[in-house]
Amino acid sequence: MSKRHPFVLAMAGFGYAILYIPILIMIIYSFNSSKLVTVWAGWSTKWYGELLSNGQLAQAAWISLTVAFWAATIGIIFGTMIGYALARFRRFKGKLLLNGMSTAPIVMPEVVTGLSLLLLFISMESLIGWPAGRGLTTVIIAHATFCMAFVAVVVQGRLSDFDVSIEEAAMDLGARQPYIFFTITLPIIMPAIIAGWLLAFTLSFDDLVIASFVSGPGSSTLPIVIFSKVRLGVTPEINALATIIVAVVAVGVIAANWLALRSEAPKQTDESE
């Protein structure tokens, strides 16, 4: 059966329609001139202008961007370490357990992750006095914790196809670690690392559940503020804000996928030759 058979295309179209029609409707209603989200009164961009004068949303957006940047940066450092170690030590006792531990935050319910981190921060505060309460620092640490798991998977996947003979040739010429890693391995896997950073940034920016457990006064992220407003009723202003978030997330996901495909291109070229 051809891959472009009408039945296959219909299945794909139906699946994507279920995923994206609700988002498309929300985007359309973000340009609604009416204050009522269920009544269409014509096209308008005034709700996007209203966002610029909303200090609460602007502050929450800045907090989310700050948290996402630092969480992705910290996550990429430790996630790369985990992915590199697991990829290099191919077979040893306990590797299956360590693989499971590195990917557990991905499948762990966010409620469990958020609660466990909250208890950790409370225990640390009572023992060493840090962190003093819940705030921006605790949110960054919490987000970096689950982001590094996604980074580890991306980096490990890239290193699984890495030609180790390059490193072996460098060792034959007298090079040693960590010089080999920083001058040979790191530049080659850099597209995968950047893709992991973009993925971690997007996940941190979108998170609601974990942040709601570990945030405090003055550190509410944008998803928390949106959720609190939606509970009182959806407004066109929220639709406009959600549309902007969709655009930011889409750019991050597309860029991450593009970099991931770019990192796979050399392997496909070598196989074709």
Protein backbone atom coordinates (compact mmCIF):
# COMPACT_ATOMS: atom_id res chain seq x y z
CA MET A 1 0.00 0.00 0.00
CA SER A 2 1.32 3.42 -0.93
CA LYS A 3 2.25 5.67 1.93
CA ARG A 4 0.08 8.38 0.33
CA HIS A 5 -3.01 6.22 0.00
CA PRO A 6 -6.21 8.26 0.61
CA PHE A 7 -7.03 6.12 3.65
CA VAL A 8 -3.68 6.93 5.26
CA LEU A 9 -4.08 10.63 4.45
CA ALA A 10 -7.59 10.63 5.89
CA MET A 11 -6.36 9.06 9.12
CA ALA A 12 -3.60 11.65 9.43
CA GLY A 13 -5.97 14.52 8.64
CA PHE A 14 -8.54 13.34 11.18
CA GLY A 15 -5.92 12.96 13.90
CA TYR A 16 -4.39 16.40 13.31
CA ALA A 17 -7.85 17.95 13.13
CA ILE A 18 -8.73 16.67 16.60
CA LEU A 19 -5.44 18.05 17.93
CA TYR A 20 -5.44 21.49 16.37
CA ILE A 21 -9.03 22.57 15.62
CA PRO A 22 -9.62 23.61 19.27
CA ILE A 23 -6.39 25.65 19.23
CA LEU A 24 -7.37 27.21 15.89
CA ILE A 25 -10.76 28.23 17.28
CA MET A 26 -9.08 29.84 20.29
CA ILE A 27 -6.72 31.79 18.00
CA ILE A 28 -9.62 33.03 15.88
CA TYR A 29 -11.57 34.18 18.94
CA SER A 30 -8.51 36.06 20.21
CA PHE A 31 -9.22 38.51 17.37
CA ASN A 32 -12.87 38.90 18.40
CA SER A 33 -13.88 42.51 19.06
CA SER A 34 -16.60 41.47 21.53
CA LYS A 35 -16.01 41.15 25.27
CA LEU A 36 -18.02 37.94 25.21
CA VAL A 37 -15.88 35.02 24.08
CA THR A 38 -18.87 33.09 22.75
CA VAL A 39 -20.27 35.94 20.61
CA TRP A 40 -18.47 36.89 17.41
CA ALA A 41 -18.61 40.63 16.71
CA GLY A 42 -15.95 41.10 14.05
CA TRP A 43 -12.20 41.14 13.73
CA SER A 44 -10.08 43.23 16.08
CA THR A 45 -6.59 43.26 17.59
CA LYS A 46 -7.50 45.42 20.59
CA TRP A 47 -7.11 42.56 23.06
CA TYR A 48 -3.45 42.23 22.10
CA GLY A 49 -3.10 45.93 22.89
CA GLU A 50 -4.77 45.37 26.24
CA LEU A 51 -2.06 42.87 27.12
CA LEU A 52 0.61 45.57 26.87
CA SER A 53 -1.09 47.61 29.59
CA ASN A 54 -1.67 44.65 31.93
CA GLY A 55 1.12 44.86 34.51
CA GLN A 56 0.26 41.59 36.23
CA LEU A 57 0.50 39.55 33.04
CA ALA A 58 3.66 41.35 31.95
CA GLN A 59 5.35 40.57 35.27
CA ALA A 60 4.22 36.95 35.13
CA ALA A 61 5.53 36.64 31.56
CA TRP A 62 8.92 38.02 32.61
CA ILE A 63 9.07 35.57 35.53
CA SER A 64 8.22 32.66 33.22
CA LEU A 65 10.89 33.68 30.72
CA THR A 66 13.49 34.04 33.50
CA VAL A 67 12.60 30.70 35.04
CA ALA A 68 12.56 28.93 31.66
CA PHE A 69 15.96 30.36 30.67
CA TRP A 70 17.76 29.35 33.85
CA ALA A 71 15.95 26.03 34.19
CA ALA A 72 16.85 25.09 30.61
CA THR A 73 20.45 26.22 31.09
CA ILE A 74 20.91 24.25 34.31
CA GLY A 75 19.04 21.29 32.88
CA ILE A 76 21.20 21.20 29.77
CA ILE A 77 24.38 21.00 31.86
CA PHE A 78 23.32 18.12 34.08
CA GLY A 79 21.24 16.44 31.38
CA THR A 80 24.23 16.36 29.04
CA MET A 81 26.34 14.80 31.79
CA ILE A 82 23.76 12.06 32.36
CA GLY A 83 23.22 11.39 28.65
CA TYR A 84 26.96 11.29 27.94
CA ALA A 85 27.69 8.90 30.80
CA LEU A 86 24.88 6.50 29.89
CA ALA A 87 25.85 6.52 26.22
CA ARG A 88 29.53 5.87 26.89
CA PHE A 89 29.12 3.07 29.44
CA ARG A 90 27.19 0.80 27.14
CA ARG A 91 26.94 -2.35 29.25
CA PHE A 92 27.27 -2.68 33.00
CA LYS A 93 25.25 -4.01 35.88
CA GLY A 94 22.60 -1.57 36.88
CA LYS A 95 22.49 0.36 33.61
CA LEU A 96 18.82 -0.51 33.12
CA LEU A 97 18.08 0.87 36.58
CA LEU A 98 20.03 4.08 35.90
CA ASN A 99 18.27 4.50 32.54
CA GLY A 100 14.96 4.15 34.30
CA MET A 101 15.96 6.65 36.98
CA SER A 102 17.06 9.20 34.37
CA THR A 103 13.77 8.99 32.47
CA ALA A 104 11.47 8.58 35.49
CA PRO A 105 10.69 12.33 35.75
CA ILE A 106 9.30 12.19 32.21
CA VAL A 107 6.57 9.68 33.08
CA MET A 108 6.17 10.65 36.72
CA PRO A 109 2.89 12.48 37.45
CA GLU A 110 3.65 16.16 37.89
CA VAL A 111 1.65 16.20 41.13
CA VAL A 112 4.06 13.66 42.61
CA THR A 113 7.09 15.57 41.36
CA GLY A 114 5.81 18.89 42.66
CA LEU A 115 4.87 17.47 46.07
CA SER A 116 8.22 15.70 46.51
CA LEU A 117 10.16 18.85 45.61
CA LEU A 118 8.04 20.92 48.00
CA LEU A 119 8.83 18.51 50.85
CA LEU A 120 12.51 18.62 49.86
CA PHE A 121 12.62 22.41 50.02
CA ILE A 122 10.82 22.47 53.38
CA SER A 123 13.27 19.92 54.80
CA MET A 124 16.28 21.83 53.47
CA GLU A 125 15.00 25.07 54.94
CA SER A 126 14.56 23.50 58.37
CA LEU A 127 18.01 21.87 58.28
CA ILE A 128 20.29 24.45 56.62
CA GLY A 129 18.05 27.51 56.32
CA TRP A 130 18.07 27.47 52.50
CA PRO A 131 16.03 28.10 50.46
CA ALA A 132 14.29 30.68 52.64
CA GLY A 133 10.69 30.14 51.64
CA ARG A 134 9.30 29.44 48.20
CA GLY A 135 10.10 31.81 45.37
CA LEU A 136 11.91 32.21 42.07
CA THR A 137 14.86 30.06 43.15
CA THR A 138 12.74 27.06 44.10
CA VAL A 139 10.78 27.25 40.85
CA ILE A 140 14.01 27.30 38.81
CA ILE A 141 15.44 24.32 40.72
CA ALA A 142 12.21 22.36 40.35
CA HIS A 143 11.96 23.02 36.63
CA ALA A 144 15.63 22.21 36.05
CA THR A 145 15.10 18.88 37.82
CA PHE A 146 12.54 17.56 35.35
CA CYS A 147 14.03 19.37 32.33
CA MET A 148 17.35 17.55 32.65
CA ALA A 149 15.56 14.24 32.11
CA PHE A 150 14.35 15.36 28.67
CA VAL A 151 17.79 16.72 27.81
CA ALA A 152 19.42 13.43 28.84
CA VAL A 153 17.16 11.50 26.45
CA VAL A 154 17.95 13.84 23.53
CA VAL A 155 21.70 13.79 24.15
CA GLN A 156 21.83 10.05 24.75
CA GLY A 157 19.91 9.45 21.53
CA ARG A 158 22.41 11.53 19.58
CA LEU A 159 25.42 9.85 21.18
CA SER A 160 24.02 6.39 20.47
CA ASP A 161 24.83 7.00 16.80
CA PHE A 162 28.11 8.77 17.49
CA ASP A 163 31.19 7.38 15.75
CA VAL A 164 33.48 6.60 18.69
CA SER A 165 36.37 5.94 16.31
CA ILE A 166 36.82 9.72 16.16
CA GLU A 167 37.53 9.85 19.87
CA GLU A 168 39.71 6.74 19.65
CA ALA A 169 41.78 8.36 16.89
CA ALA A 170 42.26 11.43 19.06
CA MET A 171 43.43 9.23 21.94
CA ASP A 172 45.89 7.48 19.64
CA LEU A 173 47.32 10.91 18.85
CA GLY A 174 47.83 11.64 22.53
CA ALA A 175 44.65 13.55 23.44
CA ARG A 176 42.94 12.76 26.72
CA GLN A 177 39.68 13.56 28.47
CA PRO A 178 38.25 16.12 29.10
CA TYR A 179 40.09 17.71 26.15
CA ILE A 180 38.49 15.21 23.75
CA PHE A 181 35.01 15.95 25.02
CA PHE A 182 35.25 19.73 24.78
CA THR A 183 37.10 19.92 21.44
CA ILE A 184 35.67 16.94 19.52
CA THR A 185 32.54 15.43 21.05
CA LEU A 186 30.82 18.60 22.23
CA PRO A 187 30.93 20.47 18.88
CA ILE A 188 29.52 17.43 17.07
CA ILE A 189 26.59 16.94 19.45
CA MET A 190 25.98 20.69 19.86
CA PRO A 191 22.85 20.70 17.62
CA ALA A 192 21.30 18.04 19.87
CA ILE A 193 22.24 20.03 22.98
CA ILE A 194 20.66 23.18 21.57
CA ALA A 195 17.55 21.18 20.65
CA GLY A 196 17.43 19.87 24.21
CA TRP A 197 17.74 23.42 25.56
CA LEU A 198 14.86 24.62 23.40
CA LEU A 199 12.73 21.66 24.47
CA ALA A 200 13.54 22.27 28.14
CA PHE A 201 12.78 25.99 27.76
CA THR A 202 9.39 25.21 26.23
CA LEU A 203 8.49 22.65 28.89
CA SER A 204 9.47 24.99 31.70
CA PHE A 205 7.59 27.90 30.18
CA ASP A 206 4.42 25.78 29.92
CA ASP A 207 4.53 24.13 33.32
CA LEU A 208 1.69 24.78 35.75
CA VAL A 209 1.43 21.91 38.21
CA ILE A 210 5.01 21.78 39.52
CA ALA A 211 5.30 25.56 39.67
CA SER A 212 2.09 25.80 41.68
CA PHE A 213 3.65 23.59 44.39
CA VAL A 214 7.01 25.36 44.72
CA SER A 215 6.18 29.00 43.94
CA GLY A 216 5.46 31.68 46.48
CA PRO A 217 4.32 35.31 46.67
CA GLY A 218 5.78 37.35 43.84
CA SER A 219 6.94 34.31 41.85
CA SER A 220 3.75 33.25 40.07
CA THR A 221 4.53 32.17 36.53
CA LEU A 222 2.39 33.01 33.52
CA PRO A 223 0.52 29.65 33.44
CA ILE A 224 -0.40 30.10 37.14
CA VAL A 225 -1.76 33.60 36.50
CA ILE A 226 -3.71 32.42 33.45
CA PHE A 227 -5.19 29.50 35.36
CA SER A 228 -6.29 31.76 38.21
CA LYS A 229 -7.97 34.13 35.75
CA VAL A 230 -9.66 31.34 33.78
CA ARG A 231 -11.28 30.05 36.96
CA LEU A 232 -13.17 33.37 37.11
CA GLY A 233 -14.15 33.19 33.44
CA VAL A 234 -12.43 33.19 30.05
CA THR A 235 -11.95 36.61 28.47
CA PRO A 236 -10.74 37.56 24.97
CA GLU A 237 -7.60 38.95 26.62
CA ILE A 238 -6.77 35.46 27.89
CA ASN A 239 -7.37 34.09 24.39
CA ALA A 240 -4.88 36.61 23.02
CA LEU A 241 -2.32 35.70 25.65
CA ALA A 242 -2.81 31.98 25.02
CA THR A 243 -2.33 32.60 21.29
CA ILE A 244 1.01 34.29 21.96
CA ILE A 245 2.07 31.36 24.15
CA VAL A 246 1.11 28.92 21.37
CA ALA A 247 3.27 30.92 18.94
CA VAL A 248 6.26 30.92 21.32
CA VAL A 249 5.94 27.19 21.99
CA ALA A 250 5.53 26.42 18.29
CA VAL A 251 8.72 28.32 17.43
CA GLY A 252 10.62 26.46 20.16
CA VAL A 253 9.36 23.03 19.12
CA ILE A 254 9.99 23.65 15.41
CA ALA A 255 13.50 24.92 16.11
CA ALA A 256 14.25 21.94 18.38
CA ASN A 257 13.02 19.45 15.76
CA TRP A 258 14.95 21.22 13.01
CA LEU A 259 18.16 21.06 15.01
CA ALA A 260 17.54 17.42 15.89
CA LEU A 261 17.04 16.55 12.21
CA ARG A 262 20.14 18.55 11.34
CA SER A 263 22.19 16.55 13.82
CA GLU A 264 20.96 13.34 12.18
CA ALA A 265 21.87 14.51 8.66
CA PRO A 266 25.58 13.52 8.81
CA LYS A 267 24.65 9.98 9.84
CA GLN A 268 22.17 9.62 6.97
CA THR A 269 24.79 10.93 4.53
CA ASP A 270 27.36 8.42 5.74
CA GLU A 271 24.87 5.55 5.45
CA SER A 272 23.92 6.54 1.89
CA GLU A 273 27.58 6.54 0.89
